[in-house]
């Protein structure tokens, strides 16, 4: 249904169903991992996600007790995170790594308590 890749193209993957939830996550971990004000992730069942190439280039970082974040060891592109206690059979994919046209109907804003104060620009 959708295909994606990392910046250098070593890692490729496919989504075999439409993601069920999309969110802009403003938590500090996502900000630091992406080097941005927030990270946008699309979530779907793990059974509907498959790597096509480059799995040996994946690096895993456990950002907390249960959460595993995967990224390309060559170019640093963020690919996925998983391990939610609430949704153990789901994976969240970095929307920016999806190469095919993906237009979510709704994007939820989460962890806005740590929203970057500079996100909307300077207010003088």
PDB file of N, CA and C in Angstrom:
ATOM      1  N   UNK A   1       0.825  -1.192   0.000  1.00  0.00           N
ATOM      2  CA  UNK A   1       0.000   0.000   0.000  1.00  0.00           C
ATOM      3  C   UNK A   1       0.871   1.257   0.000  1.00  0.00           C
ATOM      4  N   UNK A   2       1.866   1.324   0.906  1.00  0.00           N
ATOM      5  CA  UNK A   2       2.821   2.444   0.928  1.00  0.00           C
ATOM      6  C   UNK A   2       4.222   1.880   1.003  1.00  0.00           C
ATOM      7  N   UNK A   3       5.159   2.609   0.428  1.00  0.00           N
ATOM      8  CA  UNK A   3       6.573   2.224   0.491  1.00  0.00           C
ATOM      9  C   UNK A   3       7.352   3.385   1.086  1.00  0.00           C
ATOM     10  N   UNK A   4       8.505   3.054   1.691  1.00  0.00           N
ATOM     11  CA  UNK A   4       9.324   4.087   2.292  1.00  0.00           C
ATOM     12  C   UNK A   4      10.783   3.688   2.312  1.00  0.00           C
ATOM     13  N   UNK A   5      11.618   4.648   2.721  1.00  0.00           N
ATOM     14  CA  UNK A   5      13.061   4.399   2.767  1.00  0.00           C
ATOM     15  C   UNK A   5      13.738   5.434   3.653  1.00  0.00           C
ATOM     16  N   UNK A   6      15.000   5.142   3.949  1.00  0.00           N
ATOM     17  CA  UNK A   6      15.823   6.102   4.689  1.00  0.00           C
ATOM     18  C   UNK A   6      16.435   7.094   3.687  1.00  0.00           C
ATOM     19  N   UNK A   7      17.143   8.075   4.184  1.00  0.00           N
ATOM     20  CA  UNK A   7      17.741   9.112   3.339  1.00  0.00           C
ATOM     21  C   UNK A   7      18.709   8.538   2.315  1.00  0.00           C
ATOM     22  N   UNK A   8      19.538   7.582   2.708  1.00  0.00           N
ATOM     23  CA  UNK A   8      20.533   7.028   1.775  1.00  0.00           C
ATOM     24  C   UNK A   8      19.975   5.907   0.905  1.00  0.00           C
ATOM     25  N   UNK A   9      18.762   5.427   1.201  1.00  0.00           N
ATOM     26  CA  UNK A   9      18.125   4.391   0.399  1.00  0.00           C
ATOM     27  C   UNK A   9      18.513   2.973   0.757  1.00  0.00           C
ATOM     28  N   UNK A  10      19.343   2.801   1.761  1.00  0.00           N
ATOM     29  CA  UNK A  10      19.767   1.455   2.160  1.00  0.00           C
ATOM     30  C   UNK A  10      18.608   0.663   2.746  1.00  0.00           C
ATOM     31  N   UNK A  11      17.826   1.311   3.585  1.00  0.00           N
ATOM     32  CA  UNK A  11      16.680   0.660   4.226  1.00  0.00           C
ATOM     33  C   UNK A  11      15.428   1.001   3.437  1.00  0.00           C
ATOM     34  N   UNK A  12      14.705  -0.033   3.018  1.00  0.00           N
ATOM     35  CA  UNK A  12      13.413   0.170   2.361  1.00  0.00           C
ATOM     36  C   UNK A  12      12.377  -0.684   3.082  1.00  0.00           C
ATOM     37  N   UNK A  13      11.133  -0.248   3.016  1.00  0.00           N
ATOM     38  CA  UNK A  13      10.066  -0.956   3.707  1.00  0.00           C
ATOM     39  C   UNK A  13       8.742  -0.721   3.015  1.00  0.00           C
ATOM     40  N   UNK A  14       7.741  -1.497   3.435  1.00  0.00           N
ATOM     41  CA  UNK A  14       6.393  -1.292   2.932  1.00  0.00           C
ATOM     42  C   UNK A  14       5.381  -1.407   4.063  1.00  0.00           C
ATOM     43  N   UNK A  15       4.300  -0.666   3.898  1.00  0.00           N
ATOM     44  CA  UNK A  15       3.157  -0.728   4.812  1.00  0.00           C
ATOM     45  C   UNK A  15       2.051  -1.426   4.037  1.00  0.00           C
ATOM     46  N   UNK A  16       1.527  -2.503   4.573  1.00  0.00           N
ATOM     47  CA  UNK A  16       0.510  -3.274   3.862  1.00  0.00           C
ATOM     48  C   UNK A  16      -0.909  -2.960   4.303  1.00  0.00           C
ATOM     49  N   UNK A  17      -1.064  -1.912   5.087  1.00  0.00           N
ATOM     50  CA  UNK A  17      -2.388  -1.396   5.435  1.00  0.00           C
ATOM     51  C   UNK A  17      -2.242   0.103   5.657  1.00  0.00           C
ATOM     52  N   UNK A  18      -3.352   0.768   5.609  1.00  0.00           N
ATOM     53  CA  UNK A  18      -3.349   2.206   5.867  1.00  0.00           C
ATOM     54  C   UNK A  18      -3.137   2.413   7.370  1.00  0.00           C
ATOM     55  N   UNK A  19      -2.205   3.290   7.764  1.00  0.00           N
ATOM     56  CA  UNK A  19      -2.028   3.558   9.198  1.00  0.00           C
ATOM     57  C   UNK A  19      -3.337   3.999   9.843  1.00  0.00           C
ATOM     58  N   UNK A  20      -3.516   3.577  11.082  1.00  0.00           N
ATOM     59  CA  UNK A  20      -4.762   3.855  11.801  1.00  0.00           C
ATOM     60  C   UNK A  20      -4.711   5.140  12.608  1.00  0.00           C
ATOM     61  N   UNK A  21      -3.513   5.579  12.991  1.00  0.00           N
ATOM     62  CA  UNK A  21      -3.383   6.788  13.802  1.00  0.00           C
ATOM     63  C   UNK A  21      -2.128   7.533  13.374  1.00  0.00           C
ATOM     64  N   UNK A  22      -2.244   8.842  13.262  1.00  0.00           N
ATOM     65  CA  UNK A  22      -1.105   9.690  12.915  1.00  0.00           C
ATOM     66  C   UNK A  22      -1.031  10.795  13.953  1.00  0.00           C
ATOM     67  N   UNK A  23       0.181  11.061  14.424  1.00  0.00           N
ATOM     68  CA  UNK A  23       0.322  12.102  15.447  1.00  0.00           C
ATOM     69  C   UNK A  23       1.596  12.909  15.261  1.00  0.00           C
ATOM     70  N   UNK A  24       1.497  14.175  15.663  1.00  0.00           N
ATOM     71  CA  UNK A  24       2.665  15.042  15.817  1.00  0.00           C
ATOM     72  C   UNK A  24       3.027  14.922  17.293  1.00  0.00           C
ATOM     73  N   UNK A  25       4.145  14.280  17.599  1.00  0.00           N
ATOM     74  CA  UNK A  25       4.542  14.094  18.993  1.00  0.00           C
ATOM     75  C   UNK A  25       5.530  15.183  19.396  1.00  0.00           C
ATOM     76  N   UNK A  26       5.176  15.924  20.436  1.00  0.00           N
ATOM     77  CA  UNK A  26       5.986  17.036  20.926  1.00  0.00           C
ATOM     78  C   UNK A  26       6.821  16.662  22.147  1.00  0.00           C
ATOM     79  N   UNK A  27       6.935  15.367  22.467  1.00  0.00           N
ATOM     80  CA  UNK A  27       7.709  14.983  23.651  1.00  0.00           C
ATOM     81  C   UNK A  27       9.192  15.289  23.431  1.00  0.00           C
ATOM     82  N   UNK A  28       9.919  15.447  24.518  1.00  0.00           N
ATOM     83  CA  UNK A  28      11.345  15.782  24.441  1.00  0.00           C
ATOM     84  C   UNK A  28      12.152  14.712  23.713  1.00  0.00           C
ATOM     85  N   UNK A  29      11.800  13.423  23.896  1.00  0.00           N
ATOM     86  CA  UNK A  29      12.550  12.365  23.213  1.00  0.00           C
ATOM     87  C   UNK A  29      12.398  12.481  21.701  1.00  0.00           C
ATOM     88  N   UNK A  30      11.181  12.703  21.219  1.00  0.00           N
ATOM     89  CA  UNK A  30      10.971  12.849  19.770  1.00  0.00           C
ATOM     90  C   UNK A  30      11.651  14.106  19.242  1.00  0.00           C
ATOM     91  N   UNK A  31      11.592  15.196  20.017  1.00  0.00           N
ATOM     92  CA  UNK A  31      12.277  16.425  19.586  1.00  0.00           C
ATOM     93  C   UNK A  31      13.768  16.165  19.403  1.00  0.00           C
ATOM     94  N   UNK A  32      14.365  15.516  20.374  1.00  0.00           N
ATOM     95  CA  UNK A  32      15.809  15.256  20.302  1.00  0.00           C
ATOM     96  C   UNK A  32      16.151  14.250  19.205  1.00  0.00           C
ATOM     97  N   UNK A  33      15.343  13.205  19.073  1.00  0.00           N
ATOM     98  CA  UNK A  33      15.646  12.198  18.059  1.00  0.00           C
ATOM     99  C   UNK A  33      15.549  12.784  16.649  1.00  0.00           C
ATOM    100  N   UNK A  34      14.588  13.630  16.411  1.00  0.00           N
ATOM    101  CA  UNK A  34      14.376  14.192  15.075  1.00  0.00           C
ATOM    102  C   UNK A  34      15.103  15.512  14.860  1.00  0.00           C
ATOM    103  N   UNK A  35      15.577  16.129  15.940  1.00  0.00           N
ATOM    104  CA  UNK A  35      16.214  17.432  15.799  1.00  0.00           C
ATOM    105  C   UNK A  35      15.233  18.477  15.303  1.00  0.00           C
ATOM    106  N   UNK A  36      14.003  18.360  15.758  1.00  0.00           N
ATOM    107  CA  UNK A  36      12.923  19.230  15.273  1.00  0.00           C
ATOM    108  C   UNK A  36      11.933  19.497  16.410  1.00  0.00           C
ATOM    109  N   UNK A  37      10.985  20.380  16.147  1.00  0.00           N
ATOM    110  CA  UNK A  37       9.997  20.751  17.152  1.00  0.00           C
ATOM    111  C   UNK A  37       9.080  19.587  17.533  1.00  0.00           C
ATOM    112  N   UNK A  38       8.857  18.670  16.599  1.00  0.00           N
ATOM    113  CA  UNK A  38       8.027  17.498  16.862  1.00  0.00           C
ATOM    114  C   UNK A  38       8.349  16.431  15.820  1.00  0.00           C
ATOM    115  N   UNK A  39       7.895  15.225  16.085  1.00  0.00           N
ATOM    116  CA  UNK A  39       8.039  14.111  15.138  1.00  0.00           C
ATOM    117  C   UNK A  39       6.643  13.673  14.723  1.00  0.00           C
ATOM    118  N   UNK A  40       6.488  13.324  13.462  1.00  0.00           N
ATOM    119  CA  UNK A  40       5.197  12.853  12.979  1.00  0.00           C
ATOM    120  C   UNK A  40       5.299  11.364  12.695  1.00  0.00           C
ATOM    121  N   UNK A  41       4.443  10.600  13.366  1.00  0.00           N
ATOM    122  CA  UNK A  41       4.444   9.147  13.237  1.00  0.00           C
ATOM    123  C   UNK A  41       3.072   8.644  12.819  1.00  0.00           C
ATOM    124  N   UNK A  42       3.079   7.571  12.025  1.00  0.00           N
ATOM    125  CA  UNK A  42       1.862   6.869  11.627  1.00  0.00           C
ATOM    126  C   UNK A  42       1.940   5.468  12.218  1.00  0.00           C
ATOM    127  N   UNK A  43       0.877   5.033  12.870  1.00  0.00           N
ATOM    128  CA  UNK A  43       0.878   3.743  13.560  1.00  0.00           C
ATOM    129  C   UNK A  43      -0.008   2.723  12.851  1.00  0.00           C
ATOM    130  N   UNK A  44       0.473   1.481  12.844  1.00  0.00           N
ATOM    131  CA  UNK A  44      -0.256   0.383  12.229  1.00  0.00           C
ATOM    132  C   UNK A  44       0.169  -0.922  12.896  1.00  0.00           C
ATOM    133  N   UNK A  45      -0.583  -1.996  12.694  1.00  0.00           N
ATOM    134  CA  UNK A  45      -0.188  -3.277  13.284  1.00  0.00           C
ATOM    135  C   UNK A  45       1.177  -3.724  12.741  1.00  0.00           C
ATOM    136  N   UNK A  46       2.015  -4.283  13.624  1.00  0.00           N
ATOM    137  CA  UNK A  46       3.339  -4.772  13.220  1.00  0.00           C
ATOM    138  C   UNK A  46       3.245  -5.775  12.078  1.00  0.00           C
ATOM    139  N   UNK A  47       2.190  -6.566  12.056  1.00  0.00           N
ATOM    140  CA  UNK A  47       2.014  -7.574  11.015  1.00  0.00           C
ATOM    141  C   UNK A  47       1.864  -6.951   9.631  1.00  0.00           C
ATOM    142  N   UNK A  48       1.519  -5.659   9.572  1.00  0.00           N
ATOM    143  CA  UNK A  48       1.320  -4.969   8.299  1.00  0.00           C
ATOM    144  C   UNK A  48       2.523  -4.131   7.876  1.00  0.00           C
ATOM    145  N   UNK A  49       3.645  -4.299   8.562  1.00  0.00           N
ATOM    146  CA  UNK A  49       4.877  -3.575   8.254  1.00  0.00           C
ATOM    147  C   UNK A  49       5.970  -4.576   7.914  1.00  0.00           C
ATOM    148  N   UNK A  50       6.710  -4.309   6.821  1.00  0.00           N
ATOM    149  CA  UNK A  50       7.747  -5.251   6.417  1.00  0.00           C
ATOM    150  C   UNK A  50       8.937  -4.511   5.813  1.00  0.00           C
ATOM    151  N   UNK A  51      10.124  -4.891   6.278  1.00  0.00           N
ATOM    152  CA  UNK A  51      11.350  -4.369   5.679  1.00  0.00           C
ATOM    153  C   UNK A  51      11.617  -5.120   4.382  1.00  0.00           C
ATOM    154  N   UNK A  52      11.997  -4.385   3.346  1.00  0.00           N
ATOM    155  CA  UNK A  52      12.324  -4.983   2.049  1.00  0.00           C
ATOM    156  C   UNK A  52      13.830  -5.117   1.869  1.00  0.00           C
ATOM    157  N   UNK A  53      14.587  -4.178   2.443  1.00  0.00           N
ATOM    158  CA  UNK A  53      16.049  -4.225   2.347  1.00  0.00           C
ATOM    159  C   UNK A  53      16.665  -3.421   3.480  1.00  0.00           C
ATOM    160  N   UNK A  54      17.928  -3.726   3.755  1.00  0.00           N
ATOM    161  CA  UNK A  54      18.713  -2.930   4.692  1.00  0.00           C
ATOM    162  C   UNK A  54      18.522  -3.203   6.164  1.00  0.00           C
ATOM    163  N   UNK A  55      17.868  -4.289   6.535  1.00  0.00           N
ATOM    164  CA  UNK A  55      17.660  -4.546   7.961  1.00  0.00           C
ATOM    165  C   UNK A  55      18.972  -4.614   8.735  1.00  0.00           C
ATOM    166  N   UNK A  56      20.043  -5.038   8.077  1.00  0.00           N
ATOM    167  CA  UNK A  56      21.339  -5.114   8.752  1.00  0.00           C
ATOM    168  C   UNK A  56      21.915  -3.732   9.045  1.00  0.00           C
ATOM    169  N   UNK A  57      21.371  -2.691   8.418  1.00  0.00           N
ATOM    170  CA  UNK A  57      21.823  -1.316   8.672  1.00  0.00           C
ATOM    171  C   UNK A  57      21.011  -0.630   9.766  1.00  0.00           C
ATOM    172  N   UNK A  58      19.990  -1.306  10.293  1.00  0.00           N
ATOM    173  CA  UNK A  58      19.183  -0.730  11.370  1.00  0.00           C
ATOM    174  C   UNK A  58      19.952  -0.745  12.684  1.00  0.00           C
ATOM    175  N   UNK A  59      19.865   0.344  13.403  1.00  0.00           N
ATOM    176  CA  UNK A  59      20.391   0.421  14.755  1.00  0.00           C
ATOM    177  C   UNK A  59      19.201   0.645  15.676  1.00  0.00           C
ATOM    178  N   UNK A  60      19.240   0.004  16.828  1.00  0.00           N
ATOM    179  CA  UNK A  60      18.144   0.126  17.790  1.00  0.00           C
ATOM    180  C   UNK A  60      18.646   0.871  19.015  1.00  0.00           C
ATOM    181  N   UNK A  61      17.850   1.836  19.467  1.00  0.00           N
ATOM    182  CA  UNK A  61      18.147   2.567  20.693  1.00  0.00           C
ATOM    183  C   UNK A  61      16.923   2.454  21.590  1.00  0.00           C
ATOM    184  N   UNK A  62      17.102   1.966  22.802  1.00  0.00           N
ATOM    185  CA  UNK A  62      16.008   1.895  23.761  1.00  0.00           C
ATOM    186  C   UNK A  62      15.954   3.209  24.526  1.00  0.00           C
ATOM    187  N   UNK A  63      14.989   4.049  24.163  1.00  0.00           N
ATOM    188  CA  UNK A  63      14.882   5.374  24.777  1.00  0.00           C
ATOM    189  C   UNK A  63      14.222   5.327  26.150  1.00  0.00           C
ATOM    190  N   UNK A  64      13.596   4.211  26.468  1.00  0.00           N
ATOM    191  CA  UNK A  64      13.033   3.983  27.802  1.00  0.00           C
ATOM    192  C   UNK A  64      12.931   2.477  27.988  1.00  0.00           C
ATOM    193  N   UNK A  65      12.390   2.050  29.097  1.00  0.00           N
ATOM    194  CA  UNK A  65      12.375   0.626  29.432  1.00  0.00           C
ATOM    195  C   UNK A  65      11.780  -0.245  28.326  1.00  0.00           C
ATOM    196  N   UNK A  66      10.711   0.201  27.696  1.00  0.00           N
ATOM    197  CA  UNK A  66      10.014  -0.625  26.710  1.00  0.00           C
ATOM    198  C   UNK A  66      10.145  -0.147  25.272  1.00  0.00           C
ATOM    199  N   UNK A  67      10.510   1.097  25.074  1.00  0.00           N
ATOM    200  CA  UNK A  67      10.488   1.685  23.732  1.00  0.00           C
ATOM    201  C   UNK A  67      11.798   1.474  22.988  1.00  0.00           C
ATOM    202  N   UNK A  68      11.684   0.878  21.795  1.00  0.00           N
ATOM    203  CA  UNK A  68      12.831   0.670  20.909  1.00  0.00           C
ATOM    204  C   UNK A  68      12.661   1.570  19.691  1.00  0.00           C
ATOM    205  N   UNK A  69      13.635   2.452  19.473  1.00  0.00           N
ATOM    206  CA  UNK A  69      13.625   3.348  18.314  1.00  0.00           C
ATOM    207  C   UNK A  69      14.644   2.823  17.321  1.00  0.00           C
ATOM    208  N   UNK A  70      14.240   2.695  16.070  1.00  0.00           N
ATOM    209  CA  UNK A  70      15.134   2.160  15.036  1.00  0.00           C
ATOM    210  C   UNK A  70      15.450   3.240  14.012  1.00  0.00           C
ATOM    211  N   UNK A  71      16.725   3.272  13.623  1.00  0.00           N
ATOM    212  CA  UNK A  71      17.173   4.260  12.644  1.00  0.00           C
ATOM    213  C   UNK A  71      18.291   3.669  11.810  1.00  0.00           C
ATOM    214  N   UNK A  72      18.562   4.307  10.666  1.00  0.00           N
ATOM    215  CA  UNK A  72      19.609   3.830   9.770  1.00  0.00           C
ATOM    216  C   UNK A  72      20.975   4.177  10.346  1.00  0.00           C
ATOM    217  N   UNK A  73      21.846   3.187  10.456  1.00  0.00           N
ATOM    218  CA  UNK A  73      23.182   3.420  11.003  1.00  0.00           C
ATOM    219  C   UNK A  73      24.094   4.151  10.019  1.00  0.00           C
ATOM    220  N   UNK A  74      23.689   4.248   8.754  1.00  0.00           N
ATOM    221  CA  UNK A  74      24.506   4.926   7.753  1.00  0.00           C
ATOM    222  C   UNK A  74      24.161   6.411   7.631  1.00  0.00           C
ATOM    223  N   UNK A  75      22.873   6.724   7.483  1.00  0.00           N
ATOM    224  CA  UNK A  75      22.479   8.125   7.269  1.00  0.00           C
ATOM    225  C   UNK A  75      21.771   8.749   8.467  1.00  0.00           C
ATOM    226  N   UNK A  76      21.371   7.942   9.447  1.00  0.00           N
ATOM    227  CA  UNK A  76      20.739   8.454  10.657  1.00  0.00           C
ATOM    228  C   UNK A  76      19.235   8.648  10.574  1.00  0.00           C
ATOM    229  N   UNK A  77      18.616   8.318   9.443  1.00  0.00           N
ATOM    230  CA  UNK A  77      17.165   8.511   9.305  1.00  0.00           C
ATOM    231  C   UNK A  77      16.392   7.704  10.337  1.00  0.00           C
ATOM    232  N   UNK A  78      15.426   8.354  10.963  1.00  0.00           N
ATOM    233  CA  UNK A  78      14.535   7.683  11.903  1.00  0.00           C
ATOM    234  C   UNK A  78      13.510   6.889  11.104  1.00  0.00           C
ATOM    235  N   UNK A  79      13.333   5.635  11.467  1.00  0.00           N
ATOM    236  CA  UNK A  79      12.415   4.781  10.733  1.00  0.00           C
ATOM    237  C   UNK A  79      11.176   4.436  11.564  1.00  0.00           C
ATOM    238  N   UNK A  80      11.387   3.928  12.774  1.00  0.00           N
ATOM    239  CA  UNK A  80      10.239   3.459  13.548  1.00  0.00           C
ATOM    240  C   UNK A  80      10.514   3.451  15.038  1.00  0.00           C
ATOM    241  N   UNK A  81       9.452   3.325  15.789  1.00  0.00           N
ATOM    242  CA  UNK A  81       9.560   3.007  17.211  1.00  0.00           C
ATOM    243  C   UNK A  81       8.431   2.038  17.543  1.00  0.00           C
ATOM    244  N   UNK A  82       8.668   1.217  18.565  1.00  0.00           N
ATOM    245  CA  UNK A  82       7.657   0.263  19.020  1.00  0.00           C
ATOM    246  C   UNK A  82       7.931  -0.072  20.481  1.00  0.00           C
ATOM    247  N   UNK A  83       7.024  -0.843  21.065  1.00  0.00           N
ATOM    248  CA  UNK A  83       7.198  -1.274  22.443  1.00  0.00           C
ATOM    249  C   UNK A  83       6.210  -0.671  23.418  1.00  0.00           C
ATOM    250  N   UNK A  84       5.214   0.000  22.916  1.00  0.00           N
ATOM    251  CA  UNK A  84       4.202   0.581  23.793  1.00  0.00           C
ATOM    252  C   UNK A  84       3.510  -0.506  24.595  1.00  0.00           C
ATOM    253  N   UNK A  85       3.399  -0.316  25.887  1.00  0.00           N
ATOM    254  CA  UNK A  85       2.692  -1.289  26.729  1.00  0.00           C
ATOM    255  C   UNK A  85       1.209  -1.338  26.359  1.00  0.00           C
ATOM    256  N   UNK A  86       0.670  -0.194  25.966  1.00  0.00           N
ATOM    257  CA  UNK A  86      -0.748  -0.112  25.613  1.00  0.00           C
ATOM    258  C   UNK A  86      -1.047  -0.777  24.269  1.00  0.00           C
ATOM    259  N   UNK A  87      -0.087  -0.690  23.319  1.00  0.00           N
ATOM    260  CA  UNK A  87      -0.263  -1.255  21.978  1.00  0.00           C
ATOM    261  C   UNK A  87       0.964  -2.100  21.599  1.00  0.00           C
ATOM    262  N   UNK A  88       1.163  -3.240  22.237  1.00  0.00           N
ATOM    263  CA  UNK A  88       2.382  -4.025  22.020  1.00  0.00           C
ATOM    264  C   UNK A  88       2.524  -4.608  20.610  1.00  0.00           C
ATOM    265  N   UNK A  89       1.441  -4.753  19.881  1.00  0.00           N
ATOM    266  CA  UNK A  89       1.486  -5.345  18.545  1.00  0.00           C
ATOM    267  C   UNK A  89       1.467  -4.303  17.429  1.00  0.00           C
ATOM    268  N   UNK A  90       1.793  -3.063  17.778  1.00  0.00           N
ATOM    269  CA  UNK A  90       1.773  -1.966  16.814  1.00  0.00           C
ATOM    270  C   UNK A  90       3.172  -1.383  16.648  1.00  0.00           C
ATOM    271  N   UNK A  91       3.395  -0.737  15.526  1.00  0.00           N
ATOM    272  CA  UNK A  91       4.645  -0.042  15.232  1.00  0.00           C
ATOM    273  C   UNK A  91       4.285   1.356  14.730  1.00  0.00           C
ATOM    274  N   UNK A  92       5.124   2.325  15.051  1.00  0.00           N
ATOM    275  CA  UNK A  92       4.921   3.698  14.598  1.00  0.00           C
ATOM    276  C   UNK A  92       6.047   4.063  13.643  1.00  0.00           C
ATOM    277  N   UNK A  93       5.685   4.469  12.443  1.00  0.00           N
ATOM    278  CA  UNK A  93       6.623   4.759  11.371  1.00  0.00           C
ATOM    279  C   UNK A  93       6.765   6.266  11.198  1.00  0.00           C
ATOM    280  N   UNK A  94       7.994   6.721  11.026  1.00  0.00           N
ATOM    281  CA  UNK A  94       8.244   8.135  10.760  1.00  0.00           C
ATOM    282  C   UNK A  94       7.597   8.497   9.427  1.00  0.00           C
ATOM    283  N   UNK A  95       6.627   9.392   9.446  1.00  0.00           N
ATOM    284  CA  UNK A  95       5.892   9.750   8.231  1.00  0.00           C
ATOM    285  C   UNK A  95       6.821  10.336   7.166  1.00  0.00           C
ATOM    286  N   UNK A  96       7.858  11.050   7.587  1.00  0.00           N
ATOM    287  CA  UNK A  96       8.785  11.642   6.617  1.00  0.00           C
ATOM    288  C   UNK A  96       9.562  10.593   5.835  1.00  0.00           C
ATOM    289  N   UNK A  97       9.594   9.351   6.302  1.00  0.00           N
ATOM    290  CA  UNK A  97      10.304   8.293   5.584  1.00  0.00           C
ATOM    291  C   UNK A  97       9.420   7.566   4.574  1.00  0.00           C
ATOM    292  N   UNK A  98       8.140   7.895   4.524  1.00  0.00           N
ATOM    293  CA  UNK A  98       7.218   7.272   3.561  1.00  0.00           C
ATOM    294  C   UNK A  98       7.406   7.967   2.210  1.00  0.00           C
ATOM    295  N   UNK A  99       7.679   7.183   1.185  1.00  0.00           N
ATOM    296  CA  UNK A  99       7.952   7.728  -0.149  1.00  0.00           C
ATOM    297  C   UNK A  99       6.711   7.885  -1.020  1.00  0.00           C
ATOM    298  N   UNK A 100       5.709   7.064  -0.808  1.00  0.00           N
ATOM    299  CA  UNK A 100       4.486   7.168  -1.597  1.00  0.00           C
ATOM    300  C   UNK A 100       3.596   8.244  -0.988  1.00  0.00           C
ATOM    301  N   UNK A 101       2.668   8.744  -1.794  1.00  0.00           N
ATOM    302  CA  UNK A 101       1.788   9.812  -1.293  1.00  0.00           C
ATOM    303  C   UNK A 101       0.961   9.287  -0.130  1.00  0.00           C
ATOM    304  N   UNK A 102       1.025  10.004   0.969  1.00  0.00           N
ATOM    305  CA  UNK A 102       0.293   9.629   2.175  1.00  0.00           C
ATOM    306  C   UNK A 102      -0.379  10.878   2.706  1.00  0.00           C
ATOM    307  N   UNK A 103      -1.695  10.874   2.725  1.00  0.00           N
ATOM    308  CA  UNK A 103      -2.484  12.014   3.196  1.00  0.00           C
ATOM    309  C   UNK A 103      -3.399  11.578   4.329  1.00  0.00           C
ATOM    310  N   UNK A 104      -2.910  11.714   5.555  1.00  0.00           N
ATOM    311  CA  UNK A 104      -3.766  11.305   6.683  1.00  0.00           C
ATOM    312  C   UNK A 104      -4.985  12.209   6.788  1.00  0.00           C
ATOM    313  N   UNK A 105      -6.096  11.616   7.171  1.00  0.00           N
ATOM    314  CA  UNK A 105      -7.340  12.375   7.327  1.00  0.00           C
ATOM    315  C   UNK A 105      -7.296  13.249   8.573  1.00  0.00           C
ATOM    316  N   UNK A 106      -6.550  12.777   9.585  1.00  0.00           N
ATOM    317  CA  UNK A 106      -6.502  13.484  10.859  1.00  0.00           C
ATOM    318  C   UNK A 106      -5.118  13.290  11.470  1.00  0.00           C
ATOM    319  N   UNK A 107      -4.564  14.357  12.051  1.00  0.00           N
ATOM    320  CA  UNK A 107      -3.293  14.271  12.766  1.00  0.00           C
ATOM    321  C   UNK A 107      -3.512  14.823  14.168  1.00  0.00           C
ATOM    322  N   UNK A 108      -3.258  13.982  15.142  1.00  0.00           N
ATOM    323  CA  UNK A 108      -3.442  14.360  16.543  1.00  0.00           C
ATOM    324  C   UNK A 108      -2.154  14.994  17.082  1.00  0.00           C
ATOM    325  N   UNK A 109      -2.271  16.039  17.868  1.00  0.00           N
ATOM    326  CA  UNK A 109      -1.144  16.677  18.552  1.00  0.00           C
ATOM    327  C   UNK A 109      -1.022  16.016  19.926  1.00  0.00           C
ATOM    328  N   UNK A 110       0.145  15.418  20.227  1.00  0.00           N
ATOM    329  CA  UNK A 110       0.306  14.768  21.525  1.00  0.00           C
ATOM    330  C   UNK A 110       1.536  15.308  22.258  1.00  0.00           C
ATOM    331  N   UNK A 111       1.505  15.178  23.562  1.00  0.00           N
ATOM    332  CA  UNK A 111       2.573  15.647  24.457  1.00  0.00           C
ATOM    333  C   UNK A 111       2.868  17.133  24.226  1.00  0.00           C
ATOM    334  N   UNK A 112       1.808  17.908  24.104  1.00  0.00           N
ATOM    335  CA  UNK A 112       1.950  19.341  23.838  1.00  0.00           C
ATOM    336  C   UNK A 112       2.470  20.121  25.044  1.00  0.00           C
ATOM    337  N   UNK A 113       2.521  19.475  26.209  1.00  0.00           N
ATOM    338  CA  UNK A 113       3.064  20.162  27.385  1.00  0.00           C
ATOM    339  C   UNK A 113       4.545  20.481  27.194  1.00  0.00           C
ATOM    340  N   UNK A 114       5.215  19.768  26.290  1.00  0.00           N
ATOM    341  CA  UNK A 114       6.626  20.062  26.018  1.00  0.00           C
ATOM    342  C   UNK A 114       6.816  20.647  24.611  1.00  0.00           C
ATOM    343  N   UNK A 115       5.758  21.227  24.082  1.00  0.00           N
ATOM    344  CA  UNK A 115       5.824  21.892  22.778  1.00  0.00           C
ATOM    345  C   UNK A 115       6.928  22.947  22.807  1.00  0.00           C
ATOM    346  N   UNK A 116       7.726  22.995  21.752  1.00  0.00           N
ATOM    347  CA  UNK A 116       8.839  23.945  21.676  1.00  0.00           C
ATOM    348  C   UNK A 116       8.311  25.382  21.690  1.00  0.00           C
ATOM    349  N   UNK A 117       8.868  26.212  22.566  1.00  0.00           N
ATOM    350  CA  UNK A 117       8.411  27.598  22.682  1.00  0.00           C
ATOM    351  C   UNK A 117       8.701  28.400  21.410  1.00  0.00           C
ATOM    352  N   UNK A 118       9.646  27.946  20.594  1.00  0.00           N
ATOM    353  CA  UNK A 118      10.025  28.662  19.376  1.00  0.00           C
ATOM    354  C   UNK A 118       9.302  28.165  18.131  1.00  0.00           C
ATOM    355  N   UNK A 119       8.374  27.224  18.294  1.00  0.00           N
ATOM    356  CA  UNK A 119       7.706  26.605  17.147  1.00  0.00           C
ATOM    357  C   UNK A 119       7.000  27.615  16.255  1.00  0.00           C
ATOM    358  N   UNK A 120       6.316  28.556  16.828  1.00  0.00           N
ATOM    359  CA  UNK A 120       5.544  29.510  16.028  1.00  0.00           C
ATOM    360  C   UNK A 120       6.332  30.768  15.688  1.00  0.00           C
ATOM    361  N   UNK A 121       7.626  30.768  15.894  1.00  0.00           N
ATOM    362  CA  UNK A 121       8.442  31.932  15.561  1.00  0.00           C
ATOM    363  C   UNK A 121       8.480  32.950  16.683  1.00  0.00           C
ATOM    364  N   UNK A 122       9.194  33.987  16.435  1.00  0.00           N
ATOM    365  CA  UNK A 122       9.402  35.051  17.412  1.00  0.00           C
ATOM    366  C   UNK A 122       8.141  35.879  17.592  1.00  0.00           C
ATOM    367  N   UNK A 123       7.810  36.161  18.841  1.00  0.00           N
ATOM    368  CA  UNK A 123       6.675  37.033  19.138  1.00  0.00           C
ATOM    369  C   UNK A 123       7.215  38.200  19.953  1.00  0.00           C
ATOM    370  N   UNK A 124       7.376  39.319  19.294  1.00  0.00           N
ATOM    371  CA  UNK A 124       7.935  40.491  19.972  1.00  0.00           C
ATOM    372  C   UNK A 124       6.885  41.516  20.286  1.00  0.00           C
TER     373      UNK A 124
END
